């Protein structure tokens, strides 16, 4: 697997996980414990936020190594 394939795979998996995380919210609202709901919503938010960090880092790497990027370090 090359870097382009790996980047695509990582972004696809992050998207899948994020969509699954969105499905948690309706189930969480059905729980009868406010404290548990708050903890789960907070944890769900943090997980989703970290998925975005992963995707942004991969996109940044793609842009730095993509077409038109200057990979030379010589002056």
PDB file of N, CA and C in Angstrom:
ATOM      1  N   UNK A   1       0.856  -1.168   0.000  1.00  0.00           N
ATOM      2  CA  UNK A   1       0.000   0.000   0.000  1.00  0.00           C
ATOM      3  C   UNK A   1       0.904   1.233   0.000  1.00  0.00           C
ATOM      4  N   UNK A   2       0.624   2.152  -0.904  1.00  0.00           N
ATOM      5  CA  UNK A   2       1.420   3.379  -0.930  1.00  0.00           C
ATOM      6  C   UNK A   2       0.758   4.454  -0.059  1.00  0.00           C
ATOM      7  N   UNK A   3       1.401   5.610   0.017  1.00  0.00           N
ATOM      8  CA  UNK A   3       0.923   6.677   0.902  1.00  0.00           C
ATOM      9  C   UNK A   3      -0.453   7.183   0.479  1.00  0.00           C
ATOM     10  N   UNK A   4      -0.684   7.305  -0.823  1.00  0.00           N
ATOM     11  CA  UNK A   4      -1.978   7.783  -1.303  1.00  0.00           C
ATOM     12  C   UNK A   4      -3.104   6.816  -0.922  1.00  0.00           C
ATOM     13  N   UNK A   5      -2.849   5.529  -1.081  1.00  0.00           N
ATOM     14  CA  UNK A   5      -3.843   4.528  -0.698  1.00  0.00           C
ATOM     15  C   UNK A   5      -4.088   4.533   0.807  1.00  0.00           C
ATOM     16  N   UNK A   6      -3.023   4.668   1.570  1.00  0.00           N
ATOM     17  CA  UNK A   6      -3.145   4.708   3.029  1.00  0.00           C
ATOM     18  C   UNK A   6      -3.938   5.931   3.472  1.00  0.00           C
ATOM     19  N   UNK A   7      -3.665   7.077   2.864  1.00  0.00           N
ATOM     20  CA  UNK A   7      -4.399   8.303   3.205  1.00  0.00           C
ATOM     21  C   UNK A   7      -5.885   8.138   2.923  1.00  0.00           C
ATOM     22  N   UNK A   8      -6.204   7.586   1.773  1.00  0.00           N
ATOM     23  CA  UNK A   8      -7.603   7.369   1.419  1.00  0.00           C
ATOM     24  C   UNK A   8      -8.291   6.421   2.383  1.00  0.00           C
ATOM     25  N   UNK A   9      -7.589   5.362   2.741  1.00  0.00           N
ATOM     26  CA  UNK A   9      -8.145   4.375   3.667  1.00  0.00           C
ATOM     27  C   UNK A   9      -8.399   4.998   5.041  1.00  0.00           C
ATOM     28  N   UNK A  10      -7.456   5.781   5.524  1.00  0.00           N
ATOM     29  CA  UNK A  10      -7.602   6.439   6.832  1.00  0.00           C
ATOM     30  C   UNK A  10      -8.791   7.380   6.815  1.00  0.00           C
ATOM     31  N   UNK A  11      -8.902   8.210   5.773  1.00  0.00           N
ATOM     32  CA  UNK A  11     -10.023   9.148   5.688  1.00  0.00           C
ATOM     33  C   UNK A  11     -11.363   8.425   5.590  1.00  0.00           C
ATOM     34  N   UNK A  12     -11.405   7.346   4.817  1.00  0.00           N
ATOM     35  CA  UNK A  12     -12.648   6.576   4.688  1.00  0.00           C
ATOM     36  C   UNK A  12     -13.070   5.968   6.029  1.00  0.00           C
ATOM     37  N   UNK A  13     -12.117   5.399   6.741  1.00  0.00           N
ATOM     38  CA  UNK A  13     -12.434   4.794   8.040  1.00  0.00           C
ATOM     39  C   UNK A  13     -12.878   5.859   9.048  1.00  0.00           C
ATOM     40  N   UNK A  14     -12.230   7.007   9.032  1.00  0.00           N
ATOM     41  CA  UNK A  14     -12.638   8.098   9.929  1.00  0.00           C
ATOM     42  C   UNK A  14     -14.069   8.534   9.626  1.00  0.00           C
ATOM     43  N   UNK A  15     -14.398   8.618   8.353  1.00  0.00           N
ATOM     44  CA  UNK A  15     -15.757   9.002   7.969  1.00  0.00           C
ATOM     45  C   UNK A  15     -16.768   7.967   8.468  1.00  0.00           C
ATOM     46  N   UNK A  16     -16.451   6.695   8.282  1.00  0.00           N
ATOM     47  CA  UNK A  16     -17.337   5.622   8.729  1.00  0.00           C
ATOM     48  C   UNK A  16     -17.551   5.682  10.237  1.00  0.00           C
ATOM     49  N   UNK A  17     -16.468   5.855  10.972  1.00  0.00           N
ATOM     50  CA  UNK A  17     -16.566   5.920  12.436  1.00  0.00           C
ATOM     51  C   UNK A  17     -17.387   7.134  12.854  1.00  0.00           C
ATOM     52  N   UNK A  18     -17.159   8.283  12.217  1.00  0.00           N
ATOM     53  CA  UNK A  18     -17.909   9.501  12.555  1.00  0.00           C
ATOM     54  C   UNK A  18     -19.401   9.306  12.313  1.00  0.00           C
ATOM     55  N   UNK A  19     -19.758   8.648  11.212  1.00  0.00           N
ATOM     56  CA  UNK A  19     -21.177   8.378  10.935  1.00  0.00           C
ATOM     57  C   UNK A  19     -21.778   7.450  11.987  1.00  0.00           C
ATOM     58  N   UNK A  20     -21.016   6.465  12.405  1.00  0.00           N
ATOM     59  CA  UNK A  20     -21.489   5.569  13.467  1.00  0.00           C
ATOM     60  C   UNK A  20     -21.656   6.328  14.783  1.00  0.00           C
ATOM     61  N   UNK A  21     -20.746   7.250  15.059  1.00  0.00           N
ATOM     62  CA  UNK A  21     -20.840   8.046  16.286  1.00  0.00           C
ATOM     63  C   UNK A  21     -22.126   8.881  16.295  1.00  0.00           C
ATOM     64  N   UNK A  22     -22.520   9.393  15.132  1.00  0.00           N
ATOM     65  CA  UNK A  22     -23.747  10.185  15.042  1.00  0.00           C
ATOM     66  C   UNK A  22     -24.969   9.342  15.390  1.00  0.00           C
ATOM     67  N   UNK A  23     -24.919   8.062  15.087  1.00  0.00           N
ATOM     68  CA  UNK A  23     -26.029   7.168  15.408  1.00  0.00           C
ATOM     69  C   UNK A  23     -26.170   6.912  16.909  1.00  0.00           C
ATOM     70  N   UNK A  24     -25.120   7.206  17.662  1.00  0.00           N
ATOM     71  CA  UNK A  24     -25.190   7.018  19.112  1.00  0.00           C
ATOM     72  C   UNK A  24     -26.114   8.033  19.787  1.00  0.00           C
ATOM     73  N   UNK A  25     -26.129   9.254  19.281  1.00  0.00           N
ATOM     74  CA  UNK A  25     -26.858  10.329  19.966  1.00  0.00           C
ATOM     75  C   UNK A  25     -28.321  10.013  20.234  1.00  0.00           C
ATOM     76  N   UNK A  26     -29.091   9.520  19.245  1.00  0.00           N
ATOM     77  CA  UNK A  26     -30.483   9.191  19.554  1.00  0.00           C
ATOM     78  C   UNK A  26     -30.615   8.109  20.639  1.00  0.00           C
ATOM     79  N   UNK A  27     -29.708   7.139  20.623  1.00  0.00           N
ATOM     80  CA  UNK A  27     -29.758   6.081  21.636  1.00  0.00           C
ATOM     81  C   UNK A  27     -29.417   6.640  23.017  1.00  0.00           C
ATOM     82  N   UNK A  28     -28.457   7.543  23.066  1.00  0.00           N
ATOM     83  CA  UNK A  28     -28.066   8.141  24.345  1.00  0.00           C
ATOM     84  C   UNK A  28     -29.229   8.906  24.951  1.00  0.00           C
ATOM     85  N   UNK A  29     -29.980   9.627  24.122  1.00  0.00           N
ATOM     86  CA  UNK A  29     -31.105  10.417  24.650  1.00  0.00           C
ATOM     87  C   UNK A  29     -32.192   9.530  25.266  1.00  0.00           C
ATOM     88  N   UNK A  30     -32.211   8.261  24.915  1.00  0.00           N
ATOM     89  CA  UNK A  30     -33.217   7.340  25.470  1.00  0.00           C
ATOM     90  C   UNK A  30     -32.823   6.783  26.838  1.00  0.00           C
ATOM     91  N   UNK A  31     -31.615   7.011  27.258  1.00  0.00           N
ATOM     92  CA  UNK A  31     -31.193   6.536  28.574  1.00  0.00           C
ATOM     93  C   UNK A  31     -31.877   7.384  29.644  1.00  0.00           C
ATOM     94  N   UNK A  32     -32.197   6.784  30.741  1.00  0.00           N
ATOM     95  CA  UNK A  32     -32.952   7.478  31.791  1.00  0.00           C
ATOM     96  C   UNK A  32     -32.070   8.038  32.897  1.00  0.00           C
ATOM     97  N   UNK A  33     -30.831   8.317  32.574  1.00  0.00           N
ATOM     98  CA  UNK A  33     -29.928   8.837  33.594  1.00  0.00           C
ATOM     99  C   UNK A  33     -29.186  10.042  33.030  1.00  0.00           C
ATOM    100  N   UNK A  34     -29.495  11.218  33.541  1.00  0.00           N
ATOM    101  CA  UNK A  34     -28.937  12.475  33.039  1.00  0.00           C
ATOM    102  C   UNK A  34     -27.406  12.489  33.132  1.00  0.00           C
ATOM    103  N   UNK A  35     -26.876  12.027  34.243  1.00  0.00           N
ATOM    104  CA  UNK A  35     -25.417  12.026  34.443  1.00  0.00           C
ATOM    105  C   UNK A  35     -24.730  11.136  33.404  1.00  0.00           C
ATOM    106  N   UNK A  36     -25.299   9.973  33.156  1.00  0.00           N
ATOM    107  CA  UNK A  36     -24.742   9.061  32.154  1.00  0.00           C
ATOM    108  C   UNK A  36     -24.845   9.673  30.763  1.00  0.00           C
ATOM    109  N   UNK A  37     -25.984  10.284  30.460  1.00  0.00           N
ATOM    110  CA  UNK A  37     -26.163  10.931  29.158  1.00  0.00           C
ATOM    111  C   UNK A  37     -25.097  11.997  28.928  1.00  0.00           C
ATOM    112  N   UNK A  38     -24.899  12.852  29.925  1.00  0.00           N
ATOM    113  CA  UNK A  38     -23.900  13.916  29.791  1.00  0.00           C
ATOM    114  C   UNK A  38     -22.506  13.353  29.568  1.00  0.00           C
ATOM    115  N   UNK A  39     -22.156  12.317  30.304  1.00  0.00           N
ATOM    116  CA  UNK A  39     -20.834  11.707  30.165  1.00  0.00           C
ATOM    117  C   UNK A  39     -20.669  11.089  28.772  1.00  0.00           C
ATOM    118  N   UNK A  40     -21.709  10.437  28.286  1.00  0.00           N
ATOM    119  CA  UNK A  40     -21.631   9.802  26.970  1.00  0.00           C
ATOM    120  C   UNK A  40     -21.587  10.831  25.850  1.00  0.00           C
ATOM    121  N   UNK A  41     -22.376  11.897  25.972  1.00  0.00           N
ATOM    122  CA  UNK A  41     -22.320  12.951  24.960  1.00  0.00           C
ATOM    123  C   UNK A  41     -20.941  13.602  24.921  1.00  0.00           C
ATOM    124  N   UNK A  42     -20.365  13.830  26.082  1.00  0.00           N
ATOM    125  CA  UNK A  42     -19.030  14.426  26.146  1.00  0.00           C
ATOM    126  C   UNK A  42     -17.980  13.501  25.531  1.00  0.00           C
ATOM    127  N   UNK A  43     -18.040  12.223  25.869  1.00  0.00           N
ATOM    128  CA  UNK A  43     -17.086  11.258  25.320  1.00  0.00           C
ATOM    129  C   UNK A  43     -17.258  11.127  23.810  1.00  0.00           C
ATOM    130  N   UNK A  44     -18.489  11.091  23.354  1.00  0.00           N
ATOM    131  CA  UNK A  44     -18.779  11.002  21.923  1.00  0.00           C
ATOM    132  C   UNK A  44     -18.227  12.217  21.182  1.00  0.00           C
ATOM    133  N   UNK A  45     -18.411  13.382  21.769  1.00  0.00           N
ATOM    134  CA  UNK A  45     -17.888  14.614  21.173  1.00  0.00           C
ATOM    135  C   UNK A  45     -16.363  14.559  21.079  1.00  0.00           C
ATOM    136  N   UNK A  46     -15.716  14.137  22.139  1.00  0.00           N
ATOM    137  CA  UNK A  46     -14.250  14.066  22.148  1.00  0.00           C
ATOM    138  C   UNK A  46     -13.734  13.074  21.105  1.00  0.00           C
ATOM    139  N   UNK A  47     -14.391  11.932  20.985  1.00  0.00           N
ATOM    140  CA  UNK A  47     -13.979  10.954  19.974  1.00  0.00           C
ATOM    141  C   UNK A  47     -14.117  11.531  18.564  1.00  0.00           C
ATOM    142  N   UNK A  48     -15.240  12.197  18.321  1.00  0.00           N
ATOM    143  CA  UNK A  48     -15.472  12.801  17.007  1.00  0.00           C
ATOM    144  C   UNK A  48     -14.436  13.884  16.721  1.00  0.00           C
ATOM    145  N   UNK A  49     -14.112  14.657  17.733  1.00  0.00           N
ATOM    146  CA  UNK A  49     -13.096  15.703  17.589  1.00  0.00           C
ATOM    147  C   UNK A  49     -11.741  15.107  17.227  1.00  0.00           C
ATOM    148  N   UNK A  50     -11.379  14.007  17.851  1.00  0.00           N
ATOM    149  CA  UNK A  50     -10.094  13.364  17.565  1.00  0.00           C
ATOM    150  C   UNK A  50     -10.072  12.754  16.165  1.00  0.00           C
ATOM    151  N   UNK A  51     -11.216  12.271  15.680  1.00  0.00           N
ATOM    152  CA  UNK A  51     -11.296  11.788  14.301  1.00  0.00           C
ATOM    153  C   UNK A  51     -11.003  12.929  13.330  1.00  0.00           C
ATOM    154  N   UNK A  52     -11.498  14.113  13.642  1.00  0.00           N
ATOM    155  CA  UNK A  52     -11.232  15.272  12.789  1.00  0.00           C
ATOM    156  C   UNK A  52      -9.749  15.629  12.800  1.00  0.00           C
ATOM    157  N   UNK A  53      -9.102  15.486  13.939  1.00  0.00           N
ATOM    158  CA  UNK A  53      -7.657  15.736  14.022  1.00  0.00           C
ATOM    159  C   UNK A  53      -6.917  14.781  13.087  1.00  0.00           C
ATOM    160  N   UNK A  54      -7.301  13.524  13.115  1.00  0.00           N
ATOM    161  CA  UNK A  54      -6.661  12.524  12.245  1.00  0.00           C
ATOM    162  C   UNK A  54      -6.851  12.904  10.780  1.00  0.00           C
ATOM    163  N   UNK A  55      -8.088  13.205  10.389  1.00  0.00           N
ATOM    164  CA  UNK A  55      -8.359  13.548   8.992  1.00  0.00           C
ATOM    165  C   UNK A  55      -7.597  14.801   8.557  1.00  0.00           C
ATOM    166  N   UNK A  56      -7.558  15.816   9.406  1.00  0.00           N
ATOM    167  CA  UNK A  56      -6.862  17.056   9.050  1.00  0.00           C
ATOM    168  C   UNK A  56      -5.368  16.839   8.893  1.00  0.00           C
ATOM    169  N   UNK A  57      -4.794  15.998   9.743  1.00  0.00           N
ATOM    170  CA  UNK A  57      -3.359  15.704   9.622  1.00  0.00           C
ATOM    171  C   UNK A  57      -3.052  14.964   8.327  1.00  0.00           C
ATOM    172  N   UNK A  58      -3.917  14.037   7.950  1.00  0.00           N
ATOM    173  CA  UNK A  58      -3.722  13.297   6.698  1.00  0.00           C
ATOM    174  C   UNK A  58      -3.856  14.251   5.512  1.00  0.00           C
ATOM    175  N   UNK A  59      -4.852  15.120   5.545  1.00  0.00           N
ATOM    176  CA  UNK A  59      -5.041  16.091   4.462  1.00  0.00           C
ATOM    177  C   UNK A  59      -3.844  17.028   4.369  1.00  0.00           C
ATOM    178  N   UNK A  60      -3.339  17.467   5.514  1.00  0.00           N
ATOM    179  CA  UNK A  60      -2.152  18.337   5.521  1.00  0.00           C
ATOM    180  C   UNK A  60      -0.955  17.616   4.903  1.00  0.00           C
ATOM    181  N   UNK A  61      -0.789  16.346   5.231  1.00  0.00           N
ATOM    182  CA  UNK A  61       0.300  15.553   4.657  1.00  0.00           C
ATOM    183  C   UNK A  61       0.130  15.408   3.152  1.00  0.00           C
ATOM    184  N   UNK A  62      -1.091  15.148   2.714  1.00  0.00           N
ATOM    185  CA  UNK A  62      -1.359  15.025   1.282  1.00  0.00           C
ATOM    186  C   UNK A  62      -1.006  16.312   0.549  1.00  0.00           C
ATOM    187  N   UNK A  63      -1.391  17.436   1.118  1.00  0.00           N
ATOM    188  CA  UNK A  63      -1.107  18.723   0.478  1.00  0.00           C
ATOM    189  C   UNK A  63       0.383  19.022   0.427  1.00  0.00           C
ATOM    190  N   UNK A  64       1.102  18.625   1.470  1.00  0.00           N
ATOM    191  CA  UNK A  64       2.542  18.898   1.490  1.00  0.00           C
ATOM    192  C   UNK A  64       3.308  17.987   0.550  1.00  0.00           C
ATOM    193  N   UNK A  65       2.722  16.838   0.219  1.00  0.00           N
ATOM    194  CA  UNK A  65       3.390  15.889  -0.678  1.00  0.00           C
ATOM    195  C   UNK A  65       2.719  15.796  -2.047  1.00  0.00           C
ATOM    196  N   UNK A  66       1.670  16.568  -2.249  1.00  0.00           N
ATOM    197  CA  UNK A  66       0.898  16.458  -3.474  1.00  0.00           C
ATOM    198  C   UNK A  66       1.539  17.173  -4.650  1.00  0.00           C
ATOM    199  N   UNK A  67       0.822  17.179  -5.780  1.00  0.00           N
ATOM    200  CA  UNK A  67       1.320  17.867  -6.978  1.00  0.00           C
ATOM    201  C   UNK A  67       1.560  19.346  -6.708  1.00  0.00           C
ATOM    202  N   UNK A  68       2.659  19.838  -7.168  1.00  0.00           N
ATOM    203  CA  UNK A  68       2.987  21.238  -6.976  1.00  0.00           C
ATOM    204  C   UNK A  68       3.707  21.537  -5.681  1.00  0.00           C
ATOM    205  N   UNK A  69       3.786  20.553  -4.794  1.00  0.00           N
ATOM    206  CA  UNK A  69       4.503  20.750  -3.535  1.00  0.00           C
ATOM    207  C   UNK A  69       6.001  20.695  -3.801  1.00  0.00           C
ATOM    208  N   UNK A  70       6.729  21.582  -3.159  1.00  0.00           N
ATOM    209  CA  UNK A  70       8.178  21.623  -3.337  1.00  0.00           C
ATOM    210  C   UNK A  70       8.799  20.708  -2.292  1.00  0.00           C
ATOM    211  N   UNK A  71       9.207  19.527  -2.711  1.00  0.00           N
ATOM    212  CA  UNK A  71       9.778  18.550  -1.782  1.00  0.00           C
ATOM    213  C   UNK A  71      11.278  18.748  -1.590  1.00  0.00           C
ATOM    214  N   UNK A  72      11.881  19.676  -2.328  1.00  0.00           N
ATOM    215  CA  UNK A  72      13.331  19.847  -2.201  1.00  0.00           C
ATOM    216  C   UNK A  72      13.665  20.605  -0.930  1.00  0.00           C
ATOM    217  N   UNK A  73      14.803  20.275  -0.380  1.00  0.00           N
ATOM    218  CA  UNK A  73      15.271  20.984   0.826  1.00  0.00           C
ATOM    219  C   UNK A  73      16.518  21.792   0.510  1.00  0.00           C
ATOM    220  N   UNK A  74      16.958  21.741  -0.747  1.00  0.00           N
ATOM    221  CA  UNK A  74      18.157  22.490  -1.132  1.00  0.00           C
ATOM    222  C   UNK A  74      17.799  23.918  -1.462  1.00  0.00           C
ATOM    223  N   UNK A  75      18.735  24.809  -1.159  1.00  0.00           N
ATOM    224  CA  UNK A  75      18.555  26.228  -1.496  1.00  0.00           C
ATOM    225  C   UNK A  75      19.352  26.598  -2.717  1.00  0.00           C
TER     226      UNK A  75
END
